[in-house]
Amino acid sequence: MGERRREKSNLDDSAVLESITSQWWSFSSFIPLLTGALWLWLAARGGLPAVLLGAGPGALLLSTGLSGLLWAVESRTFQYMALASALGMVLSLPAILLMGPVAAFVLAVGSAASFLATGYLALGQHRCPSSVPAPDTGLRLAVRAAVNELMLCGLILTS
């Protein structure tokens, strides 16, 4: 009987799943939220060509960042967040001509930080039992997770 009780206790312990990232990383949705708002604000100041350039990454970053703060997000949100961050990094190069070099640099850094935040937020969705040691969630793992989200977004958009 004692062995059966110990086995039940082990099952109870393994049923408790914990996040592999810190609870404070849930607030990293502010990074894409603010970067998206900055994209839209600077695009509105730059005229019609700047609006056409910045509307895509700005709207996606703003909406996915706000979604991450207000609701329990699903994986599709992180996929679009990764897509918007990558678009923001790429489109910050032509933004040099339309918005100025300083604004384009700030947008590129914000988009890169949003990409990194996407990775940490995606890692926060993974759970492991408390008896299993959590993996090291460093910068490399967050970038890999963000790249995976971007690839999944590409697969979903092309299928």
N, C-alpha and C. Protein backbone atom coordinates (compact mmCIF):
# COMPACT_ATOMS: atom_id res chain seq x y z
N MET A 1 0.82 -1.19 0.00
CA MET A 1 0.00 0.00 0.00
C MET A 1 0.86 1.25 0.00
N GLY A 2 1.99 1.22 0.72
CA GLY A 2 2.88 2.36 0.78
C GLY A 2 3.49 2.68 -0.58
N GLU A 3 3.77 1.62 -1.34
CA GLU A 3 4.36 1.84 -2.67
C GLU A 3 3.34 2.47 -3.61
N ARG A 4 2.08 2.09 -3.48
CA ARG A 4 1.03 2.66 -4.32
C ARG A 4 0.84 4.14 -3.97
N ARG A 5 0.93 4.48 -2.69
CA ARG A 5 0.77 5.86 -2.26
C ARG A 5 1.94 6.71 -2.79
N ARG A 6 3.16 6.17 -2.76
CA ARG A 6 4.33 6.89 -3.25
C ARG A 6 4.22 7.10 -4.76
N GLU A 7 3.70 6.11 -5.47
CA GLU A 7 3.53 6.23 -6.92
C GLU A 7 2.51 7.31 -7.24
N LYS A 8 1.43 7.38 -6.48
CA LYS A 8 0.42 8.41 -6.69
C LYS A 8 1.01 9.78 -6.41
N SER A 9 1.86 9.89 -5.39
CA SER A 9 2.50 11.17 -5.08
C SER A 9 3.41 11.61 -6.22
N ASN A 10 4.15 10.68 -6.82
CA ASN A 10 5.00 11.02 -7.95
C ASN A 10 4.18 11.52 -9.13
N LEU A 11 3.03 10.90 -9.37
CA LEU A 11 2.18 11.35 -10.45
C LEU A 11 1.63 12.74 -10.17
N ASP A 12 1.28 13.01 -8.92
CA ASP A 12 0.79 14.34 -8.57
C ASP A 12 1.86 15.39 -8.79
N ASP A 13 3.12 15.08 -8.44
CA ASP A 13 4.21 16.05 -8.62
C ASP A 13 4.48 16.31 -10.09
N SER A 14 4.39 15.29 -10.93
CA SER A 14 4.67 15.48 -12.34
C SER A 14 3.52 16.18 -13.07
N ALA A 15 2.35 16.22 -12.45
CA ALA A 15 1.22 16.88 -13.09
C ALA A 15 1.31 18.40 -12.98
N VAL A 16 2.14 18.90 -12.07
CA VAL A 16 2.31 20.34 -11.92
C VAL A 16 3.34 20.80 -12.95
N LEU A 17 2.86 21.55 -13.92
CA LEU A 17 3.75 22.03 -14.98
C LEU A 17 4.06 23.50 -14.74
N GLU A 18 5.33 23.84 -14.86
CA GLU A 18 5.76 25.21 -14.65
C GLU A 18 6.35 25.76 -15.93
N SER A 19 6.27 27.07 -16.08
CA SER A 19 6.85 27.72 -17.25
C SER A 19 8.36 27.65 -17.17
N ILE A 20 9.02 27.58 -18.33
CA ILE A 20 10.47 27.50 -18.33
C ILE A 20 11.11 28.89 -18.35
N THR A 21 10.31 29.95 -18.43
CA THR A 21 10.84 31.30 -18.34
C THR A 21 10.26 31.99 -17.11
N SER A 22 10.84 33.09 -16.74
CA SER A 22 10.38 33.85 -15.59
C SER A 22 9.01 34.46 -15.88
N GLN A 23 8.25 34.66 -14.84
CA GLN A 23 6.93 35.25 -15.01
C GLN A 23 7.02 36.70 -15.49
N TRP A 24 8.13 37.34 -15.30
CA TRP A 24 8.30 38.73 -15.70
C TRP A 24 8.40 38.88 -17.21
N TRP A 25 8.72 37.80 -17.92
CA TRP A 25 8.82 37.89 -19.37
C TRP A 25 7.46 38.10 -20.03
N SER A 26 6.38 37.86 -19.30
CA SER A 26 5.07 38.10 -19.89
C SER A 26 4.87 39.59 -20.17
N PHE A 27 5.61 40.44 -19.48
CA PHE A 27 5.52 41.88 -19.72
C PHE A 27 6.34 42.32 -20.93
N SER A 28 7.06 41.40 -21.55
CA SER A 28 7.85 41.78 -22.72
C SER A 28 6.97 42.03 -23.94
N SER A 29 5.67 41.83 -23.82
CA SER A 29 4.76 42.22 -24.90
C SER A 29 4.71 43.74 -25.07
N PHE A 30 5.18 44.47 -24.06
CA PHE A 30 5.26 45.92 -24.19
C PHE A 30 6.25 46.33 -25.28
N ILE A 31 7.27 45.53 -25.52
CA ILE A 31 8.29 45.89 -26.51
C ILE A 31 7.69 45.96 -27.91
N PRO A 32 7.02 44.90 -28.41
CA PRO A 32 6.39 45.06 -29.73
C PRO A 32 5.26 46.08 -29.74
N LEU A 33 4.56 46.23 -28.64
CA LEU A 33 3.49 47.22 -28.57
C LEU A 33 4.05 48.62 -28.80
N LEU A 34 5.10 48.97 -28.08
CA LEU A 34 5.70 50.30 -28.21
C LEU A 34 6.41 50.47 -29.55
N THR A 35 7.06 49.42 -30.03
CA THR A 35 7.73 49.50 -31.33
C THR A 35 6.71 49.69 -32.45
N GLY A 36 5.60 48.99 -32.37
CA GLY A 36 4.55 49.16 -33.38
C GLY A 36 3.96 50.56 -33.35
N ALA A 37 3.73 51.08 -32.16
CA ALA A 37 3.22 52.45 -32.05
C ALA A 37 4.23 53.45 -32.61
N LEU A 38 5.51 53.20 -32.38
CA LEU A 38 6.56 54.08 -32.91
C LEU A 38 6.62 54.00 -34.43
N TRP A 39 6.51 52.78 -34.98
CA TRP A 39 6.47 52.63 -36.43
C TRP A 39 5.33 53.45 -37.02
N LEU A 40 4.15 53.34 -36.45
CA LEU A 40 2.99 54.04 -36.99
C LEU A 40 3.11 55.55 -36.82
N TRP A 41 3.62 56.00 -35.69
CA TRP A 41 3.77 57.43 -35.44
C TRP A 41 4.78 58.05 -36.39
N LEU A 42 5.94 57.41 -36.54
CA LEU A 42 6.96 57.94 -37.44
C LEU A 42 6.51 57.85 -38.90
N ALA A 43 5.76 56.83 -39.23
CA ALA A 43 5.25 56.71 -40.60
C ALA A 43 4.24 57.81 -40.89
N ALA A 44 3.40 58.14 -39.95
CA ALA A 44 2.40 59.20 -40.14
C ALA A 44 3.07 60.56 -40.30
N ARG A 45 4.20 60.75 -39.67
CA ARG A 45 4.93 62.01 -39.80
C ARG A 45 5.68 62.12 -41.12
N GLY A 46 5.92 61.00 -41.79
CA GLY A 46 6.77 61.00 -42.98
C GLY A 46 6.05 61.11 -44.30
N GLY A 47 4.76 61.19 -44.33
CA GLY A 47 4.04 61.30 -45.60
C GLY A 47 3.55 59.95 -46.10
N LEU A 48 2.95 59.96 -47.28
CA LEU A 48 2.32 58.76 -47.84
C LEU A 48 3.31 57.62 -48.09
N PRO A 49 4.50 57.87 -48.66
CA PRO A 49 5.43 56.75 -48.85
C PRO A 49 5.85 56.10 -47.53
N ALA A 50 6.04 56.91 -46.51
CA ALA A 50 6.41 56.35 -45.20
C ALA A 50 5.26 55.58 -44.58
N VAL A 51 4.04 56.03 -44.80
CA VAL A 51 2.86 55.31 -44.28
C VAL A 51 2.75 53.95 -44.96
N LEU A 52 2.96 53.92 -46.28
CA LEU A 52 2.90 52.65 -47.00
C LEU A 52 4.00 51.70 -46.52
N LEU A 53 5.15 52.25 -46.15
CA LEU A 53 6.26 51.42 -45.69
C LEU A 53 6.04 50.92 -44.26
N GLY A 54 5.57 51.79 -43.38
CA GLY A 54 5.50 51.45 -41.96
C GLY A 54 4.18 50.89 -41.47
N ALA A 55 3.15 50.89 -42.33
CA ALA A 55 1.84 50.42 -41.87
C ALA A 55 1.84 48.94 -41.55
N GLY A 56 2.51 48.14 -42.37
CA GLY A 56 2.52 46.69 -42.15
C GLY A 56 3.18 46.28 -40.85
N PRO A 57 4.47 46.58 -40.67
CA PRO A 57 5.10 46.17 -39.41
C PRO A 57 4.53 46.89 -38.20
N GLY A 58 4.12 48.15 -38.39
CA GLY A 58 3.58 48.91 -37.26
C GLY A 58 2.27 48.34 -36.76
N ALA A 59 1.36 48.07 -37.68
CA ALA A 59 0.05 47.53 -37.27
C ALA A 59 0.18 46.13 -36.68
N LEU A 60 1.02 45.29 -37.30
CA LEU A 60 1.19 43.92 -36.77
C LEU A 60 1.86 43.92 -35.40
N LEU A 61 2.90 44.73 -35.24
CA LEU A 61 3.57 44.77 -33.93
C LEU A 61 2.66 45.33 -32.85
N LEU A 62 1.94 46.39 -33.18
CA LEU A 62 1.03 46.99 -32.21
C LEU A 62 -0.08 46.01 -31.82
N SER A 63 -0.67 45.34 -32.80
CA SER A 63 -1.80 44.45 -32.49
C SER A 63 -1.34 43.19 -31.75
N THR A 64 -0.20 42.61 -32.14
CA THR A 64 0.25 41.41 -31.44
C THR A 64 0.76 41.73 -30.05
N GLY A 65 1.40 42.89 -29.89
CA GLY A 65 1.85 43.29 -28.55
C GLY A 65 0.68 43.54 -27.63
N LEU A 66 -0.35 44.22 -28.13
CA LEU A 66 -1.54 44.48 -27.32
C LEU A 66 -2.28 43.18 -27.02
N SER A 67 -2.33 42.29 -27.98
CA SER A 67 -2.96 40.99 -27.77
C SER A 67 -2.22 40.19 -26.70
N GLY A 68 -0.90 40.27 -26.71
CA GLY A 68 -0.11 39.56 -25.70
C GLY A 68 -0.33 40.08 -24.30
N LEU A 69 -0.68 41.35 -24.18
CA LEU A 69 -0.93 41.92 -22.86
C LEU A 69 -2.35 41.69 -22.36
N LEU A 70 -3.30 41.67 -23.27
CA LEU A 70 -4.69 41.63 -22.84
C LEU A 70 -5.28 40.23 -22.72
N TRP A 71 -4.84 39.31 -23.58
CA TRP A 71 -5.46 38.00 -23.62
C TRP A 71 -4.44 36.89 -23.45
N ALA A 72 -4.94 35.70 -23.21
CA ALA A 72 -4.09 34.51 -23.23
C ALA A 72 -3.83 34.21 -24.69
N VAL A 73 -2.59 34.35 -25.10
CA VAL A 73 -2.26 34.28 -26.52
C VAL A 73 -2.04 32.84 -26.96
N GLU A 74 -2.23 32.62 -28.24
CA GLU A 74 -1.95 31.32 -28.84
C GLU A 74 -0.71 31.46 -29.71
N SER A 75 -0.29 30.37 -30.27
CA SER A 75 0.96 30.36 -31.03
C SER A 75 0.88 31.22 -32.28
N ARG A 76 -0.28 31.39 -32.86
CA ARG A 76 -0.40 32.20 -34.08
C ARG A 76 -0.02 33.66 -33.80
N THR A 77 -0.31 34.13 -32.62
CA THR A 77 0.06 35.51 -32.26
C THR A 77 1.57 35.68 -32.29
N PHE A 78 2.30 34.72 -31.75
CA PHE A 78 3.75 34.81 -31.75
C PHE A 78 4.32 34.69 -33.16
N GLN A 79 3.64 33.93 -34.00
CA GLN A 79 4.10 33.80 -35.39
C GLN A 79 3.98 35.14 -36.12
N TYR A 80 2.88 35.82 -35.93
CA TYR A 80 2.72 37.13 -36.57
C TYR A 80 3.63 38.18 -35.93
N MET A 81 3.89 38.04 -34.65
CA MET A 81 4.81 38.96 -33.98
C MET A 81 6.22 38.79 -34.55
N ALA A 82 6.63 37.55 -34.79
CA ALA A 82 7.94 37.29 -35.38
C ALA A 82 8.00 37.82 -36.81
N LEU A 83 6.91 37.64 -37.57
CA LEU A 83 6.86 38.16 -38.94
C LEU A 83 6.97 39.68 -38.95
N ALA A 84 6.22 40.34 -38.08
CA ALA A 84 6.25 41.80 -38.03
C ALA A 84 7.63 42.31 -37.60
N SER A 85 8.26 41.62 -36.67
CA SER A 85 9.59 42.03 -36.23
C SER A 85 10.61 41.89 -37.35
N ALA A 86 10.54 40.78 -38.08
CA ALA A 86 11.46 40.58 -39.20
C ALA A 86 11.20 41.61 -40.30
N LEU A 87 9.92 41.88 -40.59
CA LEU A 87 9.60 42.91 -41.57
C LEU A 87 10.11 44.27 -41.13
N GLY A 88 10.00 44.55 -39.84
CA GLY A 88 10.49 45.82 -39.32
C GLY A 88 11.99 45.96 -39.46
N MET A 89 12.73 44.88 -39.24
CA MET A 89 14.18 44.94 -39.40
C MET A 89 14.56 45.16 -40.86
N VAL A 90 13.86 44.48 -41.77
CA VAL A 90 14.16 44.61 -43.20
C VAL A 90 13.74 45.99 -43.72
N LEU A 91 12.55 46.44 -43.34
CA LEU A 91 12.03 47.70 -43.85
C LEU A 91 12.64 48.92 -43.18
N SER A 92 13.45 48.71 -42.15
CA SER A 92 14.13 49.87 -41.56
C SER A 92 15.24 50.40 -42.48
N LEU A 93 15.69 49.57 -43.42
CA LEU A 93 16.70 50.04 -44.38
C LEU A 93 16.13 51.09 -45.34
N PRO A 94 14.99 50.84 -46.02
CA PRO A 94 14.44 51.93 -46.83
C PRO A 94 13.88 53.08 -45.99
N ALA A 95 13.62 52.83 -44.72
CA ALA A 95 13.13 53.90 -43.85
C ALA A 95 14.20 54.96 -43.62
N ILE A 96 15.47 54.64 -43.88
CA ILE A 96 16.54 55.63 -43.76
C ILE A 96 16.25 56.80 -44.69
N LEU A 97 15.79 56.51 -45.90
CA LEU A 97 15.51 57.56 -46.88
C LEU A 97 14.23 58.34 -46.55
N LEU A 98 13.22 57.64 -46.00
CA LEU A 98 11.92 58.27 -45.79
C LEU A 98 11.76 58.93 -44.42
N MET A 99 12.40 58.37 -43.40
CA MET A 99 12.21 58.86 -42.03
C MET A 99 13.47 59.41 -41.40
N GLY A 100 14.60 59.20 -42.02
CA GLY A 100 15.86 59.68 -41.47
C GLY A 100 16.65 58.54 -40.85
N PRO A 101 17.97 58.70 -40.77
CA PRO A 101 18.81 57.61 -40.25
C PRO A 101 18.60 57.31 -38.77
N VAL A 102 18.38 58.33 -37.97
CA VAL A 102 18.21 58.10 -36.53
C VAL A 102 16.90 57.36 -36.26
N ALA A 103 15.84 57.79 -36.91
CA ALA A 103 14.54 57.13 -36.72
C ALA A 103 14.60 55.70 -37.24
N ALA A 104 15.26 55.49 -38.38
CA ALA A 104 15.37 54.14 -38.93
C ALA A 104 16.19 53.24 -38.01
N PHE A 105 17.24 53.79 -37.41
CA PHE A 105 18.04 53.00 -36.47
C PHE A 105 17.23 52.61 -35.24
N VAL A 106 16.47 53.55 -34.71
CA VAL A 106 15.62 53.26 -33.55
C VAL A 106 14.58 52.21 -33.90
N LEU A 107 13.99 52.30 -35.10
CA LEU A 107 13.00 51.30 -35.52
C LEU A 107 13.64 49.93 -35.71
N ALA A 108 14.87 49.90 -36.24
CA ALA A 108 15.57 48.62 -36.41
C ALA A 108 15.88 47.99 -35.06
N VAL A 109 16.34 48.78 -34.11
CA VAL A 109 16.64 48.26 -32.78
C VAL A 109 15.36 47.80 -32.08
N GLY A 110 14.29 48.57 -32.21
CA GLY A 110 13.01 48.16 -31.62
C GLY A 110 12.47 46.89 -32.24
N SER A 111 12.63 46.75 -33.55
CA SER A 111 12.17 45.53 -34.22
C SER A 111 13.01 44.32 -33.81
N ALA A 112 14.31 44.53 -33.66
CA ALA A 112 15.17 43.43 -33.21
C ALA A 112 14.83 43.03 -31.77
N ALA A 113 14.57 44.02 -30.93
CA ALA A 113 14.17 43.72 -29.55
C ALA A 113 12.82 43.02 -29.52
N SER A 114 11.92 43.37 -30.43
CA SER A 114 10.63 42.69 -30.51
C SER A 114 10.80 41.25 -30.96
N PHE A 115 11.76 41.02 -31.86
CA PHE A 115 12.04 39.65 -32.31
C PHE A 115 12.53 38.81 -31.14
N LEU A 116 13.42 39.38 -30.34
CA LEU A 116 13.92 38.69 -29.16
C LEU A 116 12.81 38.45 -28.13
N ALA A 117 11.96 39.44 -27.94
CA ALA A 117 10.82 39.28 -27.02
C ALA A 117 9.87 38.20 -27.50
N THR A 118 9.71 38.09 -28.82
CA THR A 118 8.87 37.02 -29.38
C THR A 118 9.40 35.66 -28.97
N GLY A 119 10.72 35.50 -29.06
CA GLY A 119 11.32 34.23 -28.66
C GLY A 119 11.09 33.91 -27.19
N TYR A 120 11.27 34.90 -26.32
CA TYR A 120 11.05 34.67 -24.89
C TYR A 120 9.59 34.40 -24.58
N LEU A 121 8.69 35.11 -25.27
CA LEU A 121 7.27 34.85 -25.04
C LEU A 121 6.87 33.47 -25.53
N ALA A 122 7.42 33.04 -26.67
CA ALA A 122 7.13 31.70 -27.18
C ALA A 122 7.67 30.63 -26.23
N LEU A 123 8.85 30.87 -25.68
CA LEU A 123 9.40 29.91 -24.71
C LEU A 123 8.56 29.85 -23.45
N GLY A 124 7.93 30.95 -23.09
CA GLY A 124 7.08 30.98 -21.90
C GLY A 124 5.84 30.12 -22.03
N GLN A 125 5.47 29.76 -23.25
CA GLN A 125 4.32 28.90 -23.45
C GLN A 125 4.62 27.43 -23.18
N HIS A 126 5.90 27.08 -23.18
CA HIS A 126 6.28 25.69 -22.95
C HIS A 126 6.33 25.41 -21.45
N ARG A 127 5.82 24.29 -21.07
CA ARG A 127 5.75 23.90 -19.66
C ARG A 127 6.55 22.62 -19.46
N CYS A 128 7.10 22.47 -18.28
CA CYS A 128 7.78 21.23 -17.93
C CYS A 128 7.45 20.91 -16.47
N PRO A 129 7.51 19.63 -16.10
CA PRO A 129 7.23 19.26 -14.70
C PRO A 129 8.25 19.91 -13.77
N SER A 130 7.81 20.16 -12.55
CA SER A 130 8.69 20.81 -11.58
C SER A 130 9.88 19.93 -11.21
N SER A 131 9.76 18.62 -11.41
CA SER A 131 10.86 17.73 -11.07
C SER A 131 11.96 17.74 -12.15
N VAL A 132 11.66 18.28 -13.32
CA VAL A 132 12.64 18.34 -14.41
C VAL A 132 13.29 19.72 -14.37
N PRO A 133 14.61 19.78 -14.42
CA PRO A 133 15.25 21.10 -14.41
C PRO A 133 14.92 21.87 -15.69
N ALA A 134 14.66 23.14 -15.52
CA ALA A 134 14.32 23.98 -16.67
C ALA A 134 15.56 24.24 -17.51
N PRO A 135 15.41 24.30 -18.82
CA PRO A 135 16.58 24.57 -19.66
C PRO A 135 17.04 26.01 -19.48
N ASP A 136 18.27 26.27 -19.88
CA ASP A 136 18.82 27.62 -19.82
C ASP A 136 18.17 28.45 -20.92
N THR A 137 17.38 29.41 -20.54
CA THR A 137 16.67 30.23 -21.51
C THR A 137 17.46 31.51 -21.77
N GLY A 138 18.57 31.35 -22.43
CA GLY A 138 19.41 32.49 -22.73
C GLY A 138 19.04 33.13 -24.06
N LEU A 139 19.90 34.01 -24.50
CA LEU A 139 19.69 34.76 -25.72
C LEU A 139 19.62 33.86 -26.95
N ARG A 140 20.50 32.87 -27.03
CA ARG A 140 20.52 31.99 -28.20
C ARG A 140 19.23 31.18 -28.33
N LEU A 141 18.73 30.67 -27.22
CA LEU A 141 17.49 29.89 -27.27
C LEU A 141 16.30 30.77 -27.64
N ALA A 142 16.29 32.02 -27.16
CA ALA A 142 15.19 32.93 -27.50
C ALA A 142 15.22 33.27 -28.99
N VAL A 143 16.41 33.47 -29.54
CA VAL A 143 16.50 33.77 -30.98
C VAL A 143 16.07 32.55 -31.79
N ARG A 144 16.48 31.37 -31.37
CA ARG A 144 16.07 30.16 -32.08
C ARG A 144 14.55 29.98 -32.03
N ALA A 145 13.96 30.27 -30.88
CA ALA A 145 12.50 30.15 -30.75
C ALA A 145 11.80 31.16 -31.65
N ALA A 146 12.34 32.38 -31.74
CA ALA A 146 11.74 33.40 -32.61
C ALA A 146 11.88 33.01 -34.08
N VAL A 147 13.02 32.45 -34.45
CA VAL A 147 13.21 31.99 -35.83
C VAL A 147 12.24 30.86 -36.14
N ASN A 148 12.03 29.96 -35.19
CA ASN A 148 11.05 28.88 -35.38
C ASN A 148 9.64 29.44 -35.58
N GLU A 149 9.29 30.45 -34.81
CA GLU A 149 7.97 31.06 -34.97
C GLU A 149 7.85 31.72 -36.34
N LEU A 150 8.92 32.35 -36.81
CA LEU A 150 8.90 32.97 -38.13
C LEU A 150 8.76 31.92 -39.23
N MET A 151 9.46 30.81 -39.09
CA MET A 151 9.34 29.74 -40.09
C MET A 151 7.94 29.13 -40.08
N LEU A 152 7.36 28.95 -38.90
CA LEU A 152 6.00 28.42 -38.84
C LEU A 152 5.02 29.39 -39.49
N CYS A 153 5.24 30.67 -39.31
CA CYS A 153 4.37 31.67 -39.96
C CYS A 153 4.50 31.57 -41.47
N GLY A 154 5.72 31.41 -41.94
CA GLY A 154 5.92 31.24 -43.38
C GLY A 154 5.23 30.00 -43.92
N LEU A 155 5.30 28.91 -43.16
CA LEU A 155 4.62 27.68 -43.58
C LEU A 155 3.11 27.86 -43.63
N ILE A 156 2.56 28.53 -42.64
CA ILE A 156 1.12 28.71 -42.59
C ILE A 156 0.65 29.66 -43.68
N LEU A 157 1.41 30.71 -43.95
CA LEU A 157 0.99 31.68 -44.97
C LEU A 157 1.13 31.13 -46.39
N THR A 158 2.02 30.19 -46.59
CA THR A 158 2.22 29.64 -47.94
C THR A 158 1.44 28.35 -48.20
N SER A 159 0.78 27.82 -47.18
CA SER A 159 0.05 26.57 -47.43
C SER A 159 -1.42 26.83 -47.70
